[in-house]
Amino acid sequence: MPNRNIVEIMGHLGRDPEVRTLSNGAEVTSFSIATSNDYKDKSGEWVKKDATWWNCQAWGGLGAEVVRNFFKGDAVMVRGKGGMREWTGKDGTTKTTLEVRVNEVYKPIYERKDKAAYDEDERPRRKQSNDDFPMDISAADDADIPF
């Protein structure tokens, strides 16, 4: 059986994605995802678990899509290569970070219970250039549509 390192994380963005350009010209987009495993106990009460934070990196065009389409608080699902990195904090203690090198990004679709508290139309959106929509679909001939 082959060994594979593939993780799938679904949670919410903890901050807006940030793009950095490296010295070699490559672009990497960094963002964090919070996950938790809250559950109902036998009496039906919700038991809240502490959030687990994942640092994610998406490279090139995939990172550009993340920046255009996701904002702090959005639900997101990613797949990629997972790992842990240890580092020394300013206080001298060893810390561990969970990381995902993202290969796929999805916006999960589910029904929110608090619809009244969440209005999609009031959220800020980034400006889109004409390059984001290169084809004028209004000019398409209906005969060319395969369905």
N, C-alpha and C. Protein backbone atom coordinates (compact mmCIF):
# COMPACT_ATOMS: atom_id res chain seq x y z
N MET A 1 0.85 -1.17 0.00
CA MET A 1 0.00 0.00 0.00
C MET A 1 0.90 1.24 0.00
N PRO A 2 0.63 2.18 -0.90
CA PRO A 2 1.47 3.39 -0.95
C PRO A 2 1.18 4.30 0.24
N ASN A 3 2.18 5.04 0.64
CA ASN A 3 2.03 6.04 1.69
C ASN A 3 1.62 7.36 1.05
N ARG A 4 0.61 8.00 1.60
CA ARG A 4 0.15 9.27 1.05
C ARG A 4 -0.12 10.23 2.19
N ASN A 5 0.25 11.46 2.01
CA ASN A 5 -0.01 12.50 2.99
C ASN A 5 -1.04 13.45 2.38
N ILE A 6 -2.30 13.18 2.64
CA ILE A 6 -3.39 14.03 2.16
C ILE A 6 -4.29 14.35 3.33
N VAL A 7 -4.51 15.64 3.58
CA VAL A 7 -5.42 16.04 4.64
C VAL A 7 -6.57 16.83 4.02
N GLU A 8 -7.70 16.79 4.69
CA GLU A 8 -8.88 17.54 4.28
C GLU A 8 -9.38 18.28 5.51
N ILE A 9 -9.45 19.58 5.44
CA ILE A 9 -9.82 20.43 6.57
C ILE A 9 -11.04 21.26 6.16
N MET A 10 -12.05 21.31 7.03
CA MET A 10 -13.18 22.18 6.80
C MET A 10 -13.38 23.01 8.06
N GLY A 11 -13.40 24.32 7.89
CA GLY A 11 -13.58 25.21 9.03
C GLY A 11 -13.88 26.62 8.54
N HIS A 12 -13.44 27.60 9.30
CA HIS A 12 -13.68 29.00 8.96
C HIS A 12 -12.37 29.78 8.95
N LEU A 13 -12.26 30.72 8.02
CA LEU A 13 -11.04 31.53 7.93
C LEU A 13 -10.93 32.43 9.15
N GLY A 14 -9.74 32.45 9.75
CA GLY A 14 -9.49 33.28 10.91
C GLY A 14 -9.05 34.68 10.56
N ARG A 15 -8.66 34.90 9.32
CA ARG A 15 -8.22 36.22 8.86
C ARG A 15 -8.33 36.23 7.34
N ASP A 16 -8.32 37.42 6.76
CA ASP A 16 -8.31 37.52 5.30
C ASP A 16 -7.01 36.92 4.76
N PRO A 17 -7.07 36.25 3.62
CA PRO A 17 -5.85 35.71 3.01
C PRO A 17 -4.87 36.83 2.66
N GLU A 18 -3.57 36.55 2.81
CA GLU A 18 -2.52 37.53 2.52
C GLU A 18 -1.56 36.94 1.49
N VAL A 19 -1.21 37.75 0.49
CA VAL A 19 -0.30 37.33 -0.58
C VAL A 19 1.08 37.91 -0.33
N ARG A 20 2.11 37.07 -0.50
CA ARG A 20 3.50 37.52 -0.44
C ARG A 20 4.19 37.11 -1.72
N THR A 21 5.07 37.96 -2.20
CA THR A 21 5.89 37.63 -3.36
C THR A 21 7.29 37.32 -2.86
N LEU A 22 7.77 36.14 -3.20
CA LEU A 22 9.10 35.70 -2.75
C LEU A 22 10.18 36.30 -3.64
N SER A 23 11.42 36.19 -3.23
CA SER A 23 12.54 36.78 -3.97
C SER A 23 12.67 36.17 -5.38
N ASN A 24 12.20 34.94 -5.57
CA ASN A 24 12.27 34.32 -6.90
C ASN A 24 11.07 34.68 -7.77
N GLY A 25 10.16 35.53 -7.27
CA GLY A 25 9.00 35.98 -8.03
C GLY A 25 7.74 35.15 -7.80
N ALA A 26 7.86 34.02 -7.13
CA ALA A 26 6.70 33.18 -6.85
C ALA A 26 5.80 33.85 -5.82
N GLU A 27 4.49 33.65 -5.98
CA GLU A 27 3.53 34.21 -5.03
C GLU A 27 2.93 33.10 -4.19
N VAL A 28 2.84 33.35 -2.89
CA VAL A 28 2.22 32.41 -1.97
C VAL A 28 1.17 33.16 -1.15
N THR A 29 0.01 32.55 -1.03
CA THR A 29 -1.08 33.12 -0.26
C THR A 29 -1.20 32.35 1.04
N SER A 30 -1.19 33.07 2.16
CA SER A 30 -1.28 32.44 3.48
C SER A 30 -2.62 32.81 4.12
N PHE A 31 -3.20 31.83 4.80
CA PHE A 31 -4.43 32.07 5.54
C PHE A 31 -4.54 31.01 6.64
N SER A 32 -5.38 31.26 7.62
CA SER A 32 -5.54 30.31 8.72
C SER A 32 -6.99 29.84 8.77
N ILE A 33 -7.15 28.57 9.16
CA ILE A 33 -8.47 27.97 9.28
C ILE A 33 -8.63 27.44 10.70
N ALA A 34 -9.76 27.76 11.31
CA ALA A 34 -10.10 27.24 12.63
C ALA A 34 -11.08 26.08 12.47
N THR A 35 -10.77 24.96 13.12
CA THR A 35 -11.69 23.82 13.14
C THR A 35 -11.99 23.49 14.60
N SER A 36 -13.15 22.90 14.82
CA SER A 36 -13.48 22.42 16.16
C SER A 36 -14.39 21.22 16.01
N ASN A 37 -14.48 20.43 17.04
CA ASN A 37 -15.31 19.24 17.02
C ASN A 37 -16.34 19.30 18.14
N ASP A 38 -17.16 20.36 18.11
CA ASP A 38 -18.24 20.48 19.09
C ASP A 38 -19.20 19.31 18.91
N TYR A 39 -19.84 18.90 19.99
CA TYR A 39 -20.78 17.79 19.90
C TYR A 39 -21.85 17.93 20.98
N LYS A 40 -22.94 17.16 20.80
CA LYS A 40 -24.01 17.14 21.80
C LYS A 40 -23.77 15.95 22.71
N ASP A 41 -23.87 16.19 24.01
CA ASP A 41 -23.73 15.09 24.96
C ASP A 41 -25.06 14.33 25.07
N LYS A 42 -25.12 13.35 25.96
CA LYS A 42 -26.31 12.51 26.10
C LYS A 42 -27.55 13.30 26.49
N SER A 43 -27.36 14.41 27.21
CA SER A 43 -28.51 15.23 27.62
C SER A 43 -28.94 16.22 26.54
N GLY A 44 -28.22 16.25 25.41
CA GLY A 44 -28.58 17.14 24.30
C GLY A 44 -27.92 18.51 24.38
N GLU A 45 -27.04 18.71 25.35
CA GLU A 45 -26.33 19.98 25.50
C GLU A 45 -25.08 19.99 24.62
N TRP A 46 -24.80 21.14 24.05
CA TRP A 46 -23.60 21.28 23.21
C TRP A 46 -22.36 21.37 24.10
N VAL A 47 -21.37 20.58 23.76
CA VAL A 47 -20.07 20.63 24.43
C VAL A 47 -19.11 21.31 23.46
N LYS A 48 -18.61 22.47 23.86
CA LYS A 48 -17.70 23.24 23.01
C LYS A 48 -16.28 22.76 23.20
N LYS A 49 -15.60 22.49 22.10
CA LYS A 49 -14.20 22.10 22.13
C LYS A 49 -13.36 23.30 21.67
N ASP A 50 -12.14 23.38 22.16
CA ASP A 50 -11.24 24.45 21.72
C ASP A 50 -10.96 24.30 20.23
N ALA A 51 -10.80 25.42 19.58
CA ALA A 51 -10.50 25.42 18.14
C ALA A 51 -9.08 24.93 17.90
N THR A 52 -8.90 24.24 16.78
CA THR A 52 -7.58 23.87 16.29
C THR A 52 -7.30 24.77 15.10
N TRP A 53 -6.12 25.40 15.09
CA TRP A 53 -5.77 26.33 14.03
C TRP A 53 -4.81 25.67 13.06
N TRP A 54 -5.07 25.85 11.77
CA TRP A 54 -4.25 25.33 10.68
C TRP A 54 -3.74 26.50 9.85
N ASN A 55 -2.43 26.58 9.65
CA ASN A 55 -1.85 27.59 8.76
C ASN A 55 -1.77 26.98 7.37
N CYS A 56 -2.32 27.69 6.40
CA CYS A 56 -2.42 27.17 5.04
C CYS A 56 -1.65 28.06 4.07
N GLN A 57 -1.06 27.42 3.05
CA GLN A 57 -0.37 28.13 1.99
C GLN A 57 -0.89 27.62 0.65
N ALA A 58 -1.29 28.53 -0.21
CA ALA A 58 -1.72 28.21 -1.58
C ALA A 58 -0.82 28.99 -2.52
N TRP A 59 -0.28 28.32 -3.52
CA TRP A 59 0.71 28.92 -4.41
C TRP A 59 0.10 29.33 -5.74
N GLY A 60 0.66 30.39 -6.33
CA GLY A 60 0.32 30.81 -7.68
C GLY A 60 -1.14 31.15 -7.88
N GLY A 61 -1.72 30.62 -8.97
CA GLY A 61 -3.09 30.92 -9.36
C GLY A 61 -4.12 30.47 -8.34
N LEU A 62 -3.86 29.37 -7.66
CA LEU A 62 -4.79 28.90 -6.64
C LEU A 62 -4.86 29.92 -5.50
N GLY A 63 -3.72 30.46 -5.12
CA GLY A 63 -3.69 31.49 -4.09
C GLY A 63 -4.46 32.74 -4.52
N ALA A 64 -4.33 33.10 -5.79
CA ALA A 64 -5.06 34.27 -6.31
C ALA A 64 -6.57 34.05 -6.22
N GLU A 65 -7.03 32.84 -6.48
CA GLU A 65 -8.45 32.51 -6.36
C GLU A 65 -8.91 32.63 -4.91
N VAL A 66 -8.08 32.18 -3.99
CA VAL A 66 -8.42 32.27 -2.57
C VAL A 66 -8.58 33.74 -2.17
N VAL A 67 -7.66 34.59 -2.59
CA VAL A 67 -7.72 36.01 -2.25
C VAL A 67 -8.99 36.65 -2.81
N ARG A 68 -9.37 36.29 -4.02
CA ARG A 68 -10.55 36.87 -4.66
C ARG A 68 -11.86 36.41 -4.03
N ASN A 69 -11.90 35.17 -3.54
CA ASN A 69 -13.18 34.57 -3.19
C ASN A 69 -13.44 34.30 -1.71
N PHE A 70 -12.43 34.46 -0.86
CA PHE A 70 -12.62 34.12 0.55
C PHE A 70 -12.22 35.28 1.46
N PHE A 71 -12.97 35.42 2.56
CA PHE A 71 -12.76 36.48 3.52
C PHE A 71 -12.80 35.90 4.93
N LYS A 72 -12.29 36.66 5.88
CA LYS A 72 -12.32 36.25 7.28
C LYS A 72 -13.75 35.83 7.66
N GLY A 73 -13.85 34.67 8.31
CA GLY A 73 -15.15 34.17 8.75
C GLY A 73 -15.82 33.22 7.78
N ASP A 74 -15.40 33.21 6.51
CA ASP A 74 -16.01 32.33 5.52
C ASP A 74 -15.74 30.87 5.83
N ALA A 75 -16.73 30.02 5.53
CA ALA A 75 -16.52 28.59 5.59
C ALA A 75 -15.64 28.20 4.41
N VAL A 76 -14.71 27.28 4.65
CA VAL A 76 -13.79 26.87 3.59
C VAL A 76 -13.41 25.41 3.82
N MET A 77 -13.15 24.71 2.73
CA MET A 77 -12.66 23.34 2.80
C MET A 77 -11.43 23.25 1.92
N VAL A 78 -10.35 22.71 2.46
CA VAL A 78 -9.11 22.58 1.69
C VAL A 78 -8.62 21.14 1.74
N ARG A 79 -7.91 20.76 0.69
CA ARG A 79 -7.19 19.49 0.63
C ARG A 79 -5.76 19.79 0.27
N GLY A 80 -4.86 19.02 0.84
CA GLY A 80 -3.46 19.23 0.52
C GLY A 80 -2.56 18.36 1.37
N LYS A 81 -1.30 18.71 1.38
CA LYS A 81 -0.30 17.97 2.14
C LYS A 81 -0.19 18.60 3.53
N GLY A 82 -0.38 17.80 4.57
CA GLY A 82 -0.36 18.31 5.92
C GLY A 82 0.94 18.01 6.63
N GLY A 83 1.21 18.80 7.64
CA GLY A 83 2.41 18.57 8.43
C GLY A 83 2.43 19.42 9.68
N MET A 84 3.44 19.18 10.50
CA MET A 84 3.65 19.97 11.71
C MET A 84 5.04 20.58 11.63
N ARG A 85 5.15 21.80 12.15
CA ARG A 85 6.45 22.47 12.19
C ARG A 85 6.68 22.95 13.60
N GLU A 86 7.84 22.65 14.13
CA GLU A 86 8.21 23.14 15.46
C GLU A 86 9.10 24.36 15.32
N TRP A 87 8.92 25.31 16.22
CA TRP A 87 9.72 26.53 16.21
C TRP A 87 9.82 27.05 17.64
N THR A 88 10.78 27.92 17.83
CA THR A 88 11.00 28.49 19.16
C THR A 88 10.39 29.88 19.22
N GLY A 89 9.52 30.10 20.20
CA GLY A 89 8.86 31.38 20.37
C GLY A 89 9.79 32.41 21.00
N LYS A 90 9.33 33.64 21.06
CA LYS A 90 10.12 34.72 21.65
C LYS A 90 10.43 34.47 23.12
N ASP A 91 9.56 33.71 23.78
CA ASP A 91 9.77 33.41 25.19
C ASP A 91 10.69 32.20 25.40
N GLY A 92 11.19 31.62 24.29
CA GLY A 92 12.12 30.50 24.38
C GLY A 92 11.48 29.13 24.42
N THR A 93 10.15 29.07 24.43
CA THR A 93 9.48 27.77 24.47
C THR A 93 9.30 27.22 23.06
N THR A 94 9.26 25.90 22.95
CA THR A 94 9.05 25.23 21.67
C THR A 94 7.55 25.21 21.37
N LYS A 95 7.19 25.63 20.18
CA LYS A 95 5.79 25.66 19.77
C LYS A 95 5.63 24.78 18.53
N THR A 96 4.41 24.31 18.33
CA THR A 96 4.10 23.46 17.18
C THR A 96 3.00 24.11 16.37
N THR A 97 3.16 24.12 15.06
CA THR A 97 2.18 24.69 14.15
C THR A 97 1.71 23.60 13.19
N LEU A 98 0.40 23.50 12.98
CA LEU A 98 -0.16 22.59 11.97
C LEU A 98 -0.25 23.34 10.66
N GLU A 99 0.24 22.73 9.58
CA GLU A 99 0.28 23.41 8.29
C GLU A 99 -0.30 22.53 7.19
N VAL A 100 -0.85 23.20 6.17
CA VAL A 100 -1.36 22.51 4.99
C VAL A 100 -0.85 23.26 3.76
N ARG A 101 -0.17 22.53 2.87
CA ARG A 101 0.16 23.07 1.55
C ARG A 101 -1.01 22.71 0.65
N VAL A 102 -1.81 23.71 0.33
CA VAL A 102 -3.12 23.52 -0.28
C VAL A 102 -3.01 23.18 -1.77
N ASN A 103 -3.74 22.14 -2.17
CA ASN A 103 -3.85 21.76 -3.59
C ASN A 103 -5.24 22.04 -4.15
N GLU A 104 -6.25 22.03 -3.27
CA GLU A 104 -7.64 22.24 -3.67
C GLU A 104 -8.34 23.09 -2.62
N VAL A 105 -9.23 23.98 -3.08
CA VAL A 105 -10.01 24.84 -2.17
C VAL A 105 -11.46 24.79 -2.62
N TYR A 106 -12.36 24.66 -1.65
CA TYR A 106 -13.79 24.61 -1.93
C TYR A 106 -14.53 25.52 -0.98
N LYS A 107 -15.65 26.05 -1.46
CA LYS A 107 -16.56 26.78 -0.59
C LYS A 107 -17.70 25.82 -0.28
N PRO A 108 -17.74 25.27 0.94
CA PRO A 108 -18.80 24.31 1.26
C PRO A 108 -20.16 24.98 1.23
N ILE A 109 -21.15 24.24 0.79
CA ILE A 109 -22.51 24.77 0.72
C ILE A 109 -23.33 24.04 1.77
N TYR A 110 -23.87 24.79 2.68
CA TYR A 110 -24.73 24.24 3.70
C TYR A 110 -25.69 25.32 4.16
N GLU A 111 -26.74 24.93 4.80
CA GLU A 111 -27.73 25.89 5.25
C GLU A 111 -27.37 26.39 6.64
N ARG A 112 -27.27 27.70 6.78
CA ARG A 112 -26.95 28.29 8.09
C ARG A 112 -28.21 28.35 8.93
N LYS A 113 -28.07 28.07 10.22
CA LYS A 113 -29.19 28.15 11.14
C LYS A 113 -29.52 29.60 11.49
N ASP A 114 -28.53 30.48 11.44
CA ASP A 114 -28.72 31.88 11.82
C ASP A 114 -28.78 32.78 10.59
N LYS A 115 -29.67 32.44 9.66
CA LYS A 115 -29.76 33.20 8.41
C LYS A 115 -30.03 34.68 8.65
N ALA A 116 -30.83 35.00 9.66
CA ALA A 116 -31.16 36.40 9.93
C ALA A 116 -29.92 37.20 10.32
N ALA A 117 -28.95 36.55 10.93
CA ALA A 117 -27.74 37.24 11.38
C ALA A 117 -26.68 37.33 10.31
N TYR A 118 -26.95 36.77 9.14
CA TYR A 118 -25.93 36.70 8.09
C TYR A 118 -26.53 37.13 6.77
N ASP A 119 -26.10 38.25 6.27
CA ASP A 119 -26.62 38.74 5.00
C ASP A 119 -25.49 38.82 4.00
N GLU A 120 -25.48 37.92 3.05
CA GLU A 120 -24.42 37.82 2.03
C GLU A 120 -24.24 39.13 1.28
N ASP A 121 -25.36 39.86 1.03
CA ASP A 121 -25.27 41.08 0.23
C ASP A 121 -24.56 42.22 0.95
N GLU A 122 -24.46 42.18 2.27
CA GLU A 122 -23.83 43.27 3.01
C GLU A 122 -22.33 43.08 3.19
N ARG A 123 -21.78 41.94 2.76
CA ARG A 123 -20.36 41.69 2.94
C ARG A 123 -19.56 42.47 1.90
N PRO A 124 -18.39 42.97 2.28
CA PRO A 124 -17.56 43.69 1.30
C PRO A 124 -17.01 42.71 0.27
N ARG A 125 -16.89 43.15 -0.93
CA ARG A 125 -16.33 42.33 -2.00
C ARG A 125 -15.17 43.08 -2.64
N ARG A 126 -14.19 42.32 -3.08
CA ARG A 126 -13.07 42.93 -3.79
C ARG A 126 -13.52 43.30 -5.19
N LYS A 127 -12.94 44.36 -5.72
CA LYS A 127 -13.26 44.76 -7.08
C LYS A 127 -12.76 43.71 -8.05
N GLN A 128 -13.54 43.47 -9.08
CA GLN A 128 -13.15 42.51 -10.09
C GLN A 128 -12.84 43.27 -11.37
N SER A 129 -11.78 42.86 -12.03
CA SER A 129 -11.43 43.50 -13.28
C SER A 129 -12.16 42.78 -14.42
N ASN A 130 -12.14 43.38 -15.60
CA ASN A 130 -12.75 42.74 -16.76
C ASN A 130 -12.04 41.44 -17.11
N ASP A 131 -10.78 41.29 -16.69
CA ASP A 131 -10.04 40.06 -16.96
C ASP A 131 -10.62 38.88 -16.20
N ASP A 132 -11.38 39.15 -15.12
CA ASP A 132 -11.98 38.07 -14.36
C ASP A 132 -13.09 37.37 -15.15
N PHE A 133 -13.68 38.09 -16.11
CA PHE A 133 -14.75 37.54 -16.92
C PHE A 133 -14.42 37.78 -18.40
N PRO A 134 -13.52 36.95 -18.96
CA PRO A 134 -13.04 37.21 -20.31
C PRO A 134 -14.06 36.96 -21.41
N MET A 135 -15.10 36.18 -21.14
CA MET A 135 -16.04 35.83 -22.19
C MET A 135 -17.37 36.53 -21.95
N ASP A 136 -17.94 37.12 -22.97
CA ASP A 136 -19.25 37.75 -22.86
C ASP A 136 -20.30 36.68 -23.12
N ILE A 137 -20.91 36.16 -22.07
CA ILE A 137 -21.86 35.06 -22.25
C ILE A 137 -23.19 35.54 -22.82
N SER A 138 -23.45 36.84 -22.77
CA SER A 138 -24.70 37.34 -23.33
C SER A 138 -24.72 37.22 -24.84
N ALA A 139 -23.53 37.15 -25.45
CA ALA A 139 -23.45 37.05 -26.91
C ALA A 139 -23.42 35.60 -27.39
N ALA A 140 -23.42 34.64 -26.46
CA ALA A 140 -23.34 33.23 -26.85
C ALA A 140 -24.62 32.80 -27.55
N ASP A 141 -24.47 31.97 -28.57
CA ASP A 141 -25.60 31.42 -29.31
C ASP A 141 -26.16 30.25 -28.51
N ASP A 142 -27.47 30.23 -28.28
CA ASP A 142 -28.10 29.14 -27.52
C ASP A 142 -27.82 27.77 -28.12
N ALA A 143 -27.60 27.71 -29.42
CA ALA A 143 -27.35 26.43 -30.09
C ALA A 143 -26.01 25.84 -29.63
N ASP A 144 -25.10 26.67 -29.13
CA ASP A 144 -23.79 26.18 -28.70
C ASP A 144 -23.81 25.64 -27.28
N ILE A 145 -24.90 25.84 -26.55
CA ILE A 145 -24.96 25.39 -25.17
C ILE A 145 -25.34 23.89 -25.17
N PRO A 146 -24.55 23.06 -24.48
CA PRO A 146 -24.73 21.61 -24.56
C PRO A 146 -25.87 21.04 -23.73
N PHE A 147 -26.70 21.87 -23.13
CA PHE A 147 -27.80 21.31 -22.32
C PHE A 147 -29.09 22.02 -22.62
